[in-house]
C-alpha atoms as a PDB file:
ATOM      1  CA  MET A   1      12.362 -40.886 -58.114  1.00  0.00           C
ATOM      2  CA  ARG A   2      12.827 -39.449 -54.611  1.00  0.00           C
ATOM      3  CA  THR A   3      16.496 -38.433 -56.106  1.00  0.00           C
ATOM      4  CA  LEU A   4      15.231 -36.568 -58.512  1.00  0.00           C
ATOM      5  CA  VAL A   5      12.429 -34.415 -56.141  1.00  0.00           C
ATOM      6  CA  TRP A   6      15.408 -33.899 -53.989  1.00  0.00           C
ATOM      7  CA  LEU A   7      17.442 -32.155 -57.209  1.00  0.00           C
ATOM      8  CA  LEU A   8      14.698 -30.501 -58.191  1.00  0.00           C
ATOM      9  CA  ARG A   9      14.101 -29.198 -54.642  1.00  0.00           C
ATOM     10  CA  ALA A  10      17.820 -28.395 -54.435  1.00  0.00           C
ATOM     11  CA  LEU A  11      18.201 -26.470 -57.387  1.00  0.00           C
ATOM     12  CA  LEU A  12      14.956 -24.293 -56.369  1.00  0.00           C
ATOM     13  CA  PHE A  13      16.051 -23.477 -53.326  1.00  0.00           C
ATOM     14  CA  PHE A  14      20.080 -22.669 -54.681  1.00  0.00           C
ATOM     15  CA  THR A  15      18.235 -20.366 -57.308  1.00  0.00           C
ATOM     16  CA  LEU A  16      16.465 -18.591 -54.777  1.00  0.00           C
ATOM     17  CA  PHE A  17      19.178 -18.302 -52.585  1.00  0.00           C
ATOM     18  CA  ALA A  18      21.390 -17.205 -55.535  1.00  0.00           C
ATOM     19  CA  PHE A  19      18.335 -14.731 -56.192  1.00  0.00           C
ATOM     20  CA  ALA A  20      18.769 -12.737 -52.375  1.00  0.00           C
ATOM     21  CA  LEU A  21      22.535 -12.678 -52.747  1.00  0.00           C
ATOM     22  CA  ASN A  22      21.781 -10.496 -55.708  1.00  0.00           C
ATOM     23  CA  ASN A  23      19.204  -8.431 -54.900  1.00  0.00           C
ATOM     24  CA  SER A  24      20.837  -7.274 -51.357  1.00  0.00           C
ATOM     25  CA  HIS A  25      20.660  -3.531 -51.753  1.00  0.00           C
ATOM     26  CA  GLU A  26      18.583  -1.557 -49.741  1.00  0.00           C
ATOM     27  CA  ALA A  27      15.095  -0.401 -51.398  1.00  0.00           C
ATOM     28  CA  VAL A  28      12.634   1.545 -50.292  1.00  0.00           C
ATOM     29  CA  VAL A  29       8.308   1.021 -49.945  1.00  0.00           C
ATOM     30  CA  ARG A  30       6.814   4.336 -49.487  1.00  0.00           C
ATOM     31  CA  TRP A  31       3.547   4.343 -47.857  1.00  0.00           C
ATOM     32  CA  PHE A  32       1.050   6.961 -47.350  1.00  0.00           C
ATOM     33  CA  PHE A  33       1.735  10.344 -45.499  1.00  0.00           C
ATOM     34  CA  GLY A  34       5.824  10.290 -46.082  1.00  0.00           C
ATOM     35  CA  HIS A  35       6.494   6.964 -43.901  1.00  0.00           C
ATOM     36  CA  GLU A  36       8.880   4.529 -45.624  1.00  0.00           C
ATOM     37  CA  TRP A  37       9.897   1.261 -45.045  1.00  0.00           C
ATOM     38  CA  ARG A  38      13.956   0.508 -46.065  1.00  0.00           C
ATOM     39  CA  ALA A  39      14.638  -3.335 -46.182  1.00  0.00           C
ATOM     40  CA  PRO A  40      16.799  -5.219 -48.452  1.00  0.00           C
ATOM     41  CA  GLN A  41      15.212  -5.556 -51.820  1.00  0.00           C
ATOM     42  CA  VAL A  42      14.484  -9.494 -51.615  1.00  0.00           C
ATOM     43  CA  ILE A  43      12.897  -9.342 -48.173  1.00  0.00           C
ATOM     44  CA  ILE A  44      10.494  -7.306 -49.946  1.00  0.00           C
ATOM     45  CA  VAL A  45       9.973  -9.445 -52.995  1.00  0.00           C
ATOM     46  CA  LEU A  46       9.687 -12.673 -50.456  1.00  0.00           C
ATOM     47  CA  LEU A  47       7.399 -11.040 -48.082  1.00  0.00           C
ATOM     48  CA  ALA A  48       4.887  -9.422 -51.087  1.00  0.00           C
ATOM     49  CA  PHE A  49       5.204 -13.161 -51.938  1.00  0.00           C
ATOM     50  CA  GLY A  50       4.400 -14.746 -48.816  1.00  0.00           C
ATOM     51  CA  LEU A  51       1.139 -12.044 -48.436  1.00  0.00           C
ATOM     52  CA  GLY A  52       0.047 -12.908 -51.652  1.00  0.00           C
ATOM     53  CA  ALA A  53       0.071 -16.350 -50.779  1.00  0.00           C
ATOM     54  CA  ALA A  54      -1.671 -16.063 -48.054  1.00  0.00           C
ATOM     55  CA  PHE A  55      -4.402 -14.230 -49.168  1.00  0.00           C
ATOM     56  CA  GLY A  56      -5.047 -16.061 -51.984  1.00  0.00           C
ATOM     57  CA  VAL A  57      -5.617 -18.796 -49.659  1.00  0.00           C
ATOM     58  CA  LEU A  58      -7.718 -16.984 -47.165  1.00  0.00           C
ATOM     59  CA  ALA A  59      -9.885 -16.205 -49.956  1.00  0.00           C
ATOM     60  CA  MET A  60     -10.327 -19.722 -50.751  1.00  0.00           C
ATOM     61  CA  VAL A  61     -11.022 -20.622 -46.966  1.00  0.00           C
ATOM     62  CA  PRO A  62     -14.839 -20.061 -47.431  1.00  0.00           C
ATOM     63  CA  ALA A  63     -15.364 -21.591 -50.650  1.00  0.00           C
ATOM     64  CA  TRP A  64     -13.716 -24.750 -48.687  1.00  0.00           C
ATOM     65  CA  TRP A  65     -15.906 -24.835 -46.220  1.00  0.00           C
ATOM     66  CA  ARG A  66     -18.635 -25.005 -48.366  1.00  0.00           C
ATOM     67  CA  HIS A  67     -17.630 -27.620 -50.232  1.00  0.00           C
ATOM     68  CA  ARG A  68     -17.126 -29.758 -47.104  1.00  0.00           C
ATOM     69  CA  ARG A  69     -20.020 -29.016 -45.700  1.00  0.00           C
ATOM     70  CA  ALA A  70     -22.113 -29.782 -49.192  1.00  0.00           C
ATOM     71  CA  ALA A  71     -19.878 -33.390 -48.913  1.00  0.00           C
ATOM     72  CA  GLN A  72     -20.687 -34.385 -45.438  1.00  0.00           C
ATOM     73  CA  ARG A  73     -24.324 -33.478 -45.921  1.00  0.00           C
ATOM     74  CA  ILE A  74     -24.167 -36.201 -48.712  1.00  0.00           C
ATOM     75  CA  GLU A  75     -24.914 -39.778 -47.475  1.00  0.00           C
ATOM     76  CA  PRO A  76     -22.622 -42.554 -48.563  1.00  0.00           C
ATOM     77  CA  GLN A  77     -24.788 -44.836 -51.070  1.00  0.00           C
ATOM     78  CA  PRO A  78     -25.003 -48.555 -50.092  1.00  0.00           C
ATOM     79  CA  ALA A  79     -22.181 -50.195 -52.376  1.00  0.00           C
ATOM     80  CA  ALA A  80     -24.153 -52.272 -54.640  1.00  0.00           C
ATOM     81  CA  ALA A  81     -24.010 -56.345 -55.099  1.00  0.00           C
ATOM     82  CA  PRO A  82     -20.777 -57.326 -57.049  1.00  0.00           C
ATOM     83  CA  THR A  83     -22.371 -58.594 -60.572  1.00  0.00           C
ATOM     84  CA  PRO A  84     -21.837 -62.667 -61.162  1.00  0.00           C
ATOM     85  CA  ALA A  85     -19.158 -63.058 -63.782  1.00  0.00           C
ATOM     86  CA  PRO A  86     -20.269 -64.820 -67.065  1.00  0.00           C
ATOM     87  CA  GLU A  87     -20.073 -68.729 -67.018  1.00  0.00           C
ATOM     88  CA  ALA A  88     -18.392 -70.357 -69.525  1.00  0.00           C
ATOM     89  CA  PRO A  89     -19.615 -72.305 -72.032  1.00  0.00           C
ATOM     90  CA  ALA A  90     -20.442 -75.177 -71.672  1.00  0.00           C
ATOM     91  CA  VAL A  91     -19.201 -76.503 -75.553  1.00  0.00           C
ATOM     92  CA  PRO A  92     -15.636 -77.541 -75.506  1.00  0.00           C
ATOM     93  CA  TYR A  93     -13.242 -74.914 -77.007  1.00  0.00           C
ATOM     94  CA  ALA A  94     -12.278 -77.448 -79.801  1.00  0.00           C
ATOM     95  CA  ALA A  95     -15.752 -77.439 -81.140  1.00  0.00           C
ATOM     96  CA  HIS A  96     -15.822 -73.224 -81.363  1.00  0.00           C
ATOM     97  CA  GLN A  97     -12.729 -74.017 -84.248  1.00  0.00           C
ATOM     98  CA  ASP A  98     -14.510 -76.523 -86.496  1.00  0.00           C
ATOM     99  CA  GLY A  99     -17.330 -74.258 -86.949  1.00  0.00           C
ATOM    100  CA  VAL A 100     -19.804 -76.418 -84.873  1.00  0.00           C
END
């Protein structure tokens, strides 16, 4: 299983590496008031992905804190006593087969 996971990671890495090599030409991001930023296209795409992922994580932080506080307020329930296993019948098994 570990070998399969590492093979999938290697496949993902080489796919992204090939993507980076194929998109290395320069691109321009035009901002407001005539400002522009020139960088390789793959850097712009990966930066946009990273910023989007970071924004998504930061957007979830308040909900995580709320759930964590709610979980800490709940006191652990005492463990219930285990129920005893049902006892075996006193009649031998052979007697059940005869219809008794």
